Structures are given as structure tokens and as C-alpha cells.
């Protein structure tokens, strides 16, 4: 399965993943931690353990502060 991963404000990556891949599986090849980002499909948050059902996703880095 071919998936375009857009990292908001950064790069866009074209990935080939297995048919049973999850949204979390899209993060490792682009060096992102699932605890530091939110994965969006059509502007809606999707859980990282959900199987990939879209050919384009957007990843937004979460802001940390203290």
C-alpha cells in the first residue's frame, strides 16, 4: 500500500507499507514517536493502533511545555 505522510510544516514522505500496517507503523520510517504527534486523516485524529485506511495522512507535532 502506498501512503503519503505529510509532516505539518516540514517534509512529505512517500511510504510503501504492508496491507495490515497501522498508523503508528507510518511514524518509525520518518523518525517520529507516537507519543509526540497526532495523526490526522481528513482533519480528524486517528488512533495510531488503527489499521491504515487512507492513502494520505497528516502528522502534527504536539507542543510540550511546562
PDB file of N, CA and C in Angstrom:
ATOM      1  N   UNK A   1       0.845  -1.165   0.000  1.00  0.00           N
ATOM      2  CA  UNK A   1       0.000   0.000   0.000  1.00  0.00           C
ATOM      3  C   UNK A   1       0.896   1.235   0.000  1.00  0.00           C
ATOM      4  N   UNK A   2       0.587   2.185  -0.831  1.00  0.00           N
ATOM      5  CA  UNK A   2       1.332   3.431  -0.925  1.00  0.00           C
ATOM      6  C   UNK A   2       0.629   4.501  -0.084  1.00  0.00           C
ATOM      7  N   UNK A   3       1.388   5.173   0.800  1.00  0.00           N
ATOM      8  CA  UNK A   3       0.815   6.194   1.673  1.00  0.00           C
ATOM      9  C   UNK A   3       1.707   7.430   1.645  1.00  0.00           C
ATOM     10  N   UNK A   4       1.087   8.590   1.498  1.00  0.00           N
ATOM     11  CA  UNK A   4       1.792   9.861   1.588  1.00  0.00           C
ATOM     12  C   UNK A   4       1.645  10.372   3.013  1.00  0.00           C
ATOM     13  N   UNK A   5       2.773  10.633   3.663  1.00  0.00           N
ATOM     14  CA  UNK A   5       2.776  11.135   5.037  1.00  0.00           C
ATOM     15  C   UNK A   5       3.306  12.565   5.011  1.00  0.00           C
ATOM     16  N   UNK A   6       2.422  13.503   5.305  1.00  0.00           N
ATOM     17  CA  UNK A   6       2.802  14.913   5.365  1.00  0.00           C
ATOM     18  C   UNK A   6       3.036  15.282   6.826  1.00  0.00           C
ATOM     19  N   UNK A   7       4.227  15.767   7.130  1.00  0.00           N
ATOM     20  CA  UNK A   7       4.523  16.239   8.480  1.00  0.00           C
ATOM     21  C   UNK A   7       4.320  17.751   8.447  1.00  0.00           C
ATOM     22  N   UNK A   8       3.332  18.232   9.175  1.00  0.00           N
ATOM     23  CA  UNK A   8       2.933  19.637   9.127  1.00  0.00           C
ATOM     24  C   UNK A   8       4.127  20.562   9.338  1.00  0.00           C
ATOM     25  N   UNK A   9       4.303  21.495   8.400  1.00  0.00           N
ATOM     26  CA  UNK A   9       5.375  22.470   8.486  1.00  0.00           C
ATOM     27  C   UNK A   9       6.746  21.927   8.156  1.00  0.00           C
ATOM     28  N   UNK A  10       6.806  20.662   7.748  1.00  0.00           N
ATOM     29  CA  UNK A  10       8.100  20.038   7.459  1.00  0.00           C
ATOM     30  C   UNK A  10       8.052  19.353   6.103  1.00  0.00           C
ATOM     31  N   UNK A  11       8.389  18.073   6.077  1.00  0.00           N
ATOM     32  CA  UNK A  11       8.521  17.323   4.835  1.00  0.00           C
ATOM     33  C   UNK A  11       7.292  16.471   4.537  1.00  0.00           C
ATOM     34  N   UNK A  12       7.266  15.971   3.314  1.00  0.00           N
ATOM     35  CA  UNK A  12       6.289  14.979   2.899  1.00  0.00           C
ATOM     36  C   UNK A  12       7.061  13.740   2.480  1.00  0.00           C
ATOM     37  N   UNK A  13       6.587  12.579   2.928  1.00  0.00           N
ATOM     38  CA  UNK A  13       7.261  11.316   2.650  1.00  0.00           C
ATOM     39  C   UNK A  13       6.300  10.379   1.940  1.00  0.00           C
ATOM     40  N   UNK A  14       6.822   9.647   0.972  1.00  0.00           N
ATOM     41  CA  UNK A  14       6.060   8.619   0.261  1.00  0.00           C
ATOM     42  C   UNK A  14       6.517   7.272   0.807  1.00  0.00           C
ATOM     43  N   UNK A  15       5.594   6.495   1.386  1.00  0.00           N
ATOM     44  CA  UNK A  15       5.945   5.223   2.002  1.00  0.00           C
ATOM     45  C   UNK A  15       5.185   4.074   1.357  1.00  0.00           C
ATOM     46  N   UNK A  16       5.827   2.914   1.334  1.00  0.00           N
ATOM     47  CA  UNK A  16       5.174   1.665   0.962  1.00  0.00           C
ATOM     48  C   UNK A  16       5.049   0.858   2.242  1.00  0.00           C
ATOM     49  N   UNK A  17       3.836   0.488   2.615  1.00  0.00           N
ATOM     50  CA  UNK A  17       3.606  -0.265   3.847  1.00  0.00           C
ATOM     51  C   UNK A  17       2.781  -1.511   3.544  1.00  0.00           C
ATOM     52  N   UNK A  18       2.862  -2.475   4.449  1.00  0.00           N
ATOM     53  CA  UNK A  18       2.076  -3.695   4.311  1.00  0.00           C
ATOM     54  C   UNK A  18       0.589  -3.378   4.423  1.00  0.00           C
ATOM     55  N   UNK A  19      -0.230  -4.236   3.885  1.00  0.00           N
ATOM     56  CA  UNK A  19      -1.677  -4.034   3.910  1.00  0.00           C
ATOM     57  C   UNK A  19      -2.233  -4.022   5.330  1.00  0.00           C
ATOM     58  N   UNK A  20      -1.540  -4.661   6.274  1.00  0.00           N
ATOM     59  CA  UNK A  20      -2.026  -4.702   7.656  1.00  0.00           C
ATOM     60  C   UNK A  20      -1.349  -3.665   8.556  1.00  0.00           C
ATOM     61  N   UNK A  21      -0.688  -2.676   7.967  1.00  0.00           N
ATOM     62  CA  UNK A  21       0.012  -1.643   8.738  1.00  0.00           C
ATOM     63  C   UNK A  21      -0.977  -0.770   9.515  1.00  0.00           C
ATOM     64  N   UNK A  22      -0.492  -0.255  10.640  1.00  0.00           N
ATOM     65  CA  UNK A  22      -1.282   0.693  11.440  1.00  0.00           C
ATOM     66  C   UNK A  22      -0.727   2.100  11.196  1.00  0.00           C
ATOM     67  N   UNK A  23      -1.483   3.097  11.667  1.00  0.00           N
ATOM     68  CA  UNK A  23      -0.999   4.470  11.527  1.00  0.00           C
ATOM     69  C   UNK A  23       0.293   4.671  12.314  1.00  0.00           C
ATOM     70  N   UNK A  24       0.461   3.959  13.407  1.00  0.00           N
ATOM     71  CA  UNK A  24       1.704   4.027  14.168  1.00  0.00           C
ATOM     72  C   UNK A  24       2.891   3.516  13.372  1.00  0.00           C
ATOM     73  N   UNK A  25       2.656   2.532  12.496  1.00  0.00           N
ATOM     74  CA  UNK A  25       3.728   1.995  11.662  1.00  0.00           C
ATOM     75  C   UNK A  25       4.257   3.024  10.668  1.00  0.00           C
ATOM     76  N   UNK A  26       3.488   4.063  10.399  1.00  0.00           N
ATOM     77  CA  UNK A  26       3.920   5.107   9.473  1.00  0.00           C
ATOM     78  C   UNK A  26       4.925   6.062  10.110  1.00  0.00           C
ATOM     79  N   UNK A  27       5.016   6.045  11.426  1.00  0.00           N
ATOM     80  CA  UNK A  27       5.844   7.022  12.126  1.00  0.00           C
ATOM     81  C   UNK A  27       7.316   6.635  12.213  1.00  0.00           C
ATOM     82  N   UNK A  28       7.624   5.374  12.408  1.00  0.00           N
ATOM     83  CA  UNK A  28       9.018   4.939  12.556  1.00  0.00           C
ATOM     84  C   UNK A  28       9.885   5.304  11.345  1.00  0.00           C
ATOM     85  N   UNK A  29       9.433   5.081  10.117  1.00  0.00           N
ATOM     86  CA  UNK A  29      10.281   5.411   8.964  1.00  0.00           C
ATOM     87  C   UNK A  29      10.590   6.905   8.829  1.00  0.00           C
ATOM     88  N   UNK A  30       9.813   7.754   9.472  1.00  0.00           N
ATOM     89  CA  UNK A  30      10.055   9.201   9.409  1.00  0.00           C
ATOM     90  C   UNK A  30      10.592   9.733  10.742  1.00  0.00           C
ATOM     91  N   UNK A  31      11.073   8.821  11.592  1.00  0.00           N
ATOM     92  CA  UNK A  31      11.717   9.142  12.868  1.00  0.00           C
ATOM     93  C   UNK A  31      10.840   9.956  13.813  1.00  0.00           C
ATOM     94  N   UNK A  32       9.579   9.556  13.951  1.00  0.00           N
ATOM     95  CA  UNK A  32       8.667  10.225  14.875  1.00  0.00           C
ATOM     96  C   UNK A  32       8.172   9.242  15.919  1.00  0.00           C
ATOM     97  N   UNK A  33       7.959   9.739  17.113  1.00  0.00           N
ATOM     98  CA  UNK A  33       7.459   8.957  18.234  1.00  0.00           C
ATOM     99  C   UNK A  33       5.955   9.163  18.335  1.00  0.00           C
ATOM    100  N   UNK A  34       5.154   8.093  18.440  1.00  0.00           N
ATOM    101  CA  UNK A  34       3.699   8.253  18.504  1.00  0.00           C
ATOM    102  C   UNK A  34       3.221   9.046  19.717  1.00  0.00           C
ATOM    103  N   UNK A  35       4.069   9.193  20.740  1.00  0.00           N
ATOM    104  CA  UNK A  35       3.686   9.958  21.930  1.00  0.00           C
ATOM    105  C   UNK A  35       3.900  11.459  21.746  1.00  0.00           C
ATOM    106  N   UNK A  36       4.533  11.842  20.637  1.00  0.00           N
ATOM    107  CA  UNK A  36       4.855  13.244  20.395  1.00  0.00           C
ATOM    108  C   UNK A  36       4.094  13.852  19.232  1.00  0.00           C
ATOM    109  N   UNK A  37       3.203  13.068  18.621  1.00  0.00           N
ATOM    110  CA  UNK A  37       2.486  13.557  17.435  1.00  0.00           C
ATOM    111  C   UNK A  37       1.015  13.152  17.474  1.00  0.00           C
ATOM    112  N   UNK A  38       0.267  13.768  16.595  1.00  0.00           N
ATOM    113  CA  UNK A  38      -1.116  13.372  16.353  1.00  0.00           C
ATOM    114  C   UNK A  38      -1.228  13.064  14.866  1.00  0.00           C
ATOM    115  N   UNK A  39      -1.865  11.937  14.542  1.00  0.00           N
ATOM    116  CA  UNK A  39      -2.041  11.540  13.153  1.00  0.00           C
ATOM    117  C   UNK A  39      -3.461  11.920  12.730  1.00  0.00           C
ATOM    118  N   UNK A  40      -3.556  12.616  11.596  1.00  0.00           N
ATOM    119  CA  UNK A  40      -4.846  13.091  11.105  1.00  0.00           C
ATOM    120  C   UNK A  40      -5.153  12.521   9.728  1.00  0.00           C
ATOM    121  N   UNK A  41      -6.405  12.144   9.534  1.00  0.00           N
ATOM    122  CA  UNK A  41      -6.912  11.744   8.231  1.00  0.00           C
ATOM    123  C   UNK A  41      -8.122  12.617   7.955  1.00  0.00           C
ATOM    124  N   UNK A  42      -8.069  13.353   6.870  1.00  0.00           N
ATOM    125  CA  UNK A  42      -9.142  14.305   6.528  1.00  0.00           C
ATOM    126  C   UNK A  42      -9.436  15.245   7.687  1.00  0.00           C
ATOM    127  N   UNK A  43      -8.389  15.668   8.406  1.00  0.00           N
ATOM    128  CA  UNK A  43      -8.526  16.610   9.503  1.00  0.00           C
ATOM    129  C   UNK A  43      -9.002  16.033  10.816  1.00  0.00           C
ATOM    130  N   UNK A  44      -9.240  14.727  10.864  1.00  0.00           N
ATOM    131  CA  UNK A  44      -9.720  14.063  12.072  1.00  0.00           C
ATOM    132  C   UNK A  44      -8.620  13.185  12.664  1.00  0.00           C
ATOM    133  N   UNK A  45      -8.449  13.248  13.985  1.00  0.00           N
ATOM    134  CA  UNK A  45      -7.465  12.418  14.683  1.00  0.00           C
ATOM    135  C   UNK A  45      -7.821  10.943  14.528  1.00  0.00           C
ATOM    136  N   UNK A  46      -6.798  10.114  14.283  1.00  0.00           N
ATOM    137  CA  UNK A  46      -6.992   8.669  14.239  1.00  0.00           C
ATOM    138  C   UNK A  46      -6.026   8.016  15.227  1.00  0.00           C
ATOM    139  N   UNK A  47      -6.451   6.965  15.912  1.00  0.00           N
ATOM    140  CA  UNK A  47      -5.557   6.253  16.837  1.00  0.00           C
ATOM    141  C   UNK A  47      -4.409   5.595  16.076  1.00  0.00           C
ATOM    142  N   UNK A  48      -3.234   5.586  16.683  1.00  0.00           N
ATOM    143  CA  UNK A  48      -2.075   5.013  15.997  1.00  0.00           C
ATOM    144  C   UNK A  48      -2.144   3.495  15.893  1.00  0.00           C
ATOM    145  N   UNK A  49      -3.027   2.858  16.677  1.00  0.00           N
ATOM    146  CA  UNK A  49      -3.149   1.397  16.574  1.00  0.00           C
ATOM    147  C   UNK A  49      -4.229   0.974  15.582  1.00  0.00           C
ATOM    148  N   UNK A  50      -4.840   1.923  14.914  1.00  0.00           N
ATOM    149  CA  UNK A  50      -5.880   1.631  13.915  1.00  0.00           C
ATOM    150  C   UNK A  50      -5.219   1.286  12.581  1.00  0.00           C
ATOM    151  N   UNK A  51      -5.746   0.298  11.853  1.00  0.00           N
ATOM    152  CA  UNK A  51      -5.183  -0.041  10.539  1.00  0.00           C
ATOM    153  C   UNK A  51      -5.283   1.137   9.566  1.00  0.00           C
ATOM    154  N   UNK A  52      -4.263   1.280   8.742  1.00  0.00           N
ATOM    155  CA  UNK A  52      -4.250   2.361   7.749  1.00  0.00           C
ATOM    156  C   UNK A  52      -5.360   2.122   6.737  1.00  0.00           C
ATOM    157  N   UNK A  53      -6.205   3.140   6.567  1.00  0.00           N
ATOM    158  CA  UNK A  53      -7.314   3.046   5.617  1.00  0.00           C
ATOM    159  C   UNK A  53      -7.322   4.240   4.671  1.00  0.00           C
ATOM    160  N   UNK A  54      -6.262   5.030   4.696  1.00  0.00           N
ATOM    161  CA  UNK A  54      -6.184   6.213   3.838  1.00  0.00           C
ATOM    162  C   UNK A  54      -4.841   6.220   3.127  1.00  0.00           C
ATOM    163  N   UNK A  55      -4.806   6.835   1.952  1.00  0.00           N
ATOM    164  CA  UNK A  55      -3.541   6.889   1.220  1.00  0.00           C
ATOM    165  C   UNK A  55      -2.785   8.187   1.481  1.00  0.00           C
ATOM    166  N   UNK A  56      -3.372   9.065   2.296  1.00  0.00           N
ATOM    167  CA  UNK A  56      -2.704  10.322   2.657  1.00  0.00           C
ATOM    168  C   UNK A  56      -3.020  10.650   4.108  1.00  0.00           C
ATOM    169  N   UNK A  57      -1.984  10.914   4.893  1.00  0.00           N
ATOM    170  CA  UNK A  57      -2.172  11.297   6.293  1.00  0.00           C
ATOM    171  C   UNK A  57      -1.333  12.539   6.583  1.00  0.00           C
ATOM    172  N   UNK A  58      -1.751  13.259   7.596  1.00  0.00           N
ATOM    173  CA  UNK A  58      -1.011  14.432   8.051  1.00  0.00           C
ATOM    174  C   UNK A  58      -0.601  14.180   9.497  1.00  0.00           C
ATOM    175  N   UNK A  59       0.633  14.476   9.808  1.00  0.00           N
ATOM    176  CA  UNK A  59       1.155  14.285  11.156  1.00  0.00           C
ATOM    177  C   UNK A  59       1.489  15.661  11.721  1.00  0.00           C
ATOM    178  N   UNK A  60       0.971  15.929  12.919  1.00  0.00           N
ATOM    179  CA  UNK A  60       1.203  17.214  13.579  1.00  0.00           C
ATOM    180  C   UNK A  60       1.961  16.947  14.871  1.00  0.00           C
ATOM    181  N   UNK A  61       3.074  17.652  15.049  1.00  0.00           N
ATOM    182  CA  UNK A  61       3.847  17.516  16.287  1.00  0.00           C
ATOM    183  C   UNK A  61       3.079  18.202  17.418  1.00  0.00           C
ATOM    184  N   UNK A  62       3.045  17.561  18.572  1.00  0.00           N
ATOM    185  CA  UNK A  62       2.392  18.130  19.737  1.00  0.00           C
ATOM    186  C   UNK A  62       3.374  19.060  20.450  1.00  0.00           C
ATOM    187  N   UNK A  63       2.846  20.112  21.012  1.00  0.00           N
ATOM    188  CA  UNK A  63       3.682  21.089  21.719  1.00  0.00           C
ATOM    189  C   UNK A  63       3.788  20.687  23.174  1.00  0.00           C
ATOM    190  N   UNK A  64       5.009  20.688  23.669  1.00  0.00           N
ATOM    191  CA  UNK A  64       5.245  20.386  25.078  1.00  0.00           C
ATOM    192  C   UNK A  64       5.587  21.689  25.787  1.00  0.00           C
ATOM    193  N   UNK A  65       5.212  21.769  27.013  1.00  0.00           N
ATOM    194  CA  UNK A  65       5.538  22.977  27.760  1.00  0.00           C
ATOM    195  C   UNK A  65       5.465  22.727  29.245  1.00  0.00           C
ATOM    196  N   UNK A  66       5.891  23.711  29.968  1.00  0.00           N
ATOM    197  CA  UNK A  66       5.850  23.491  31.397  1.00  0.00           C
ATOM    198  C   UNK A  66       5.752  24.788  32.158  1.00  0.00           C
TER     199      UNK A  66
END
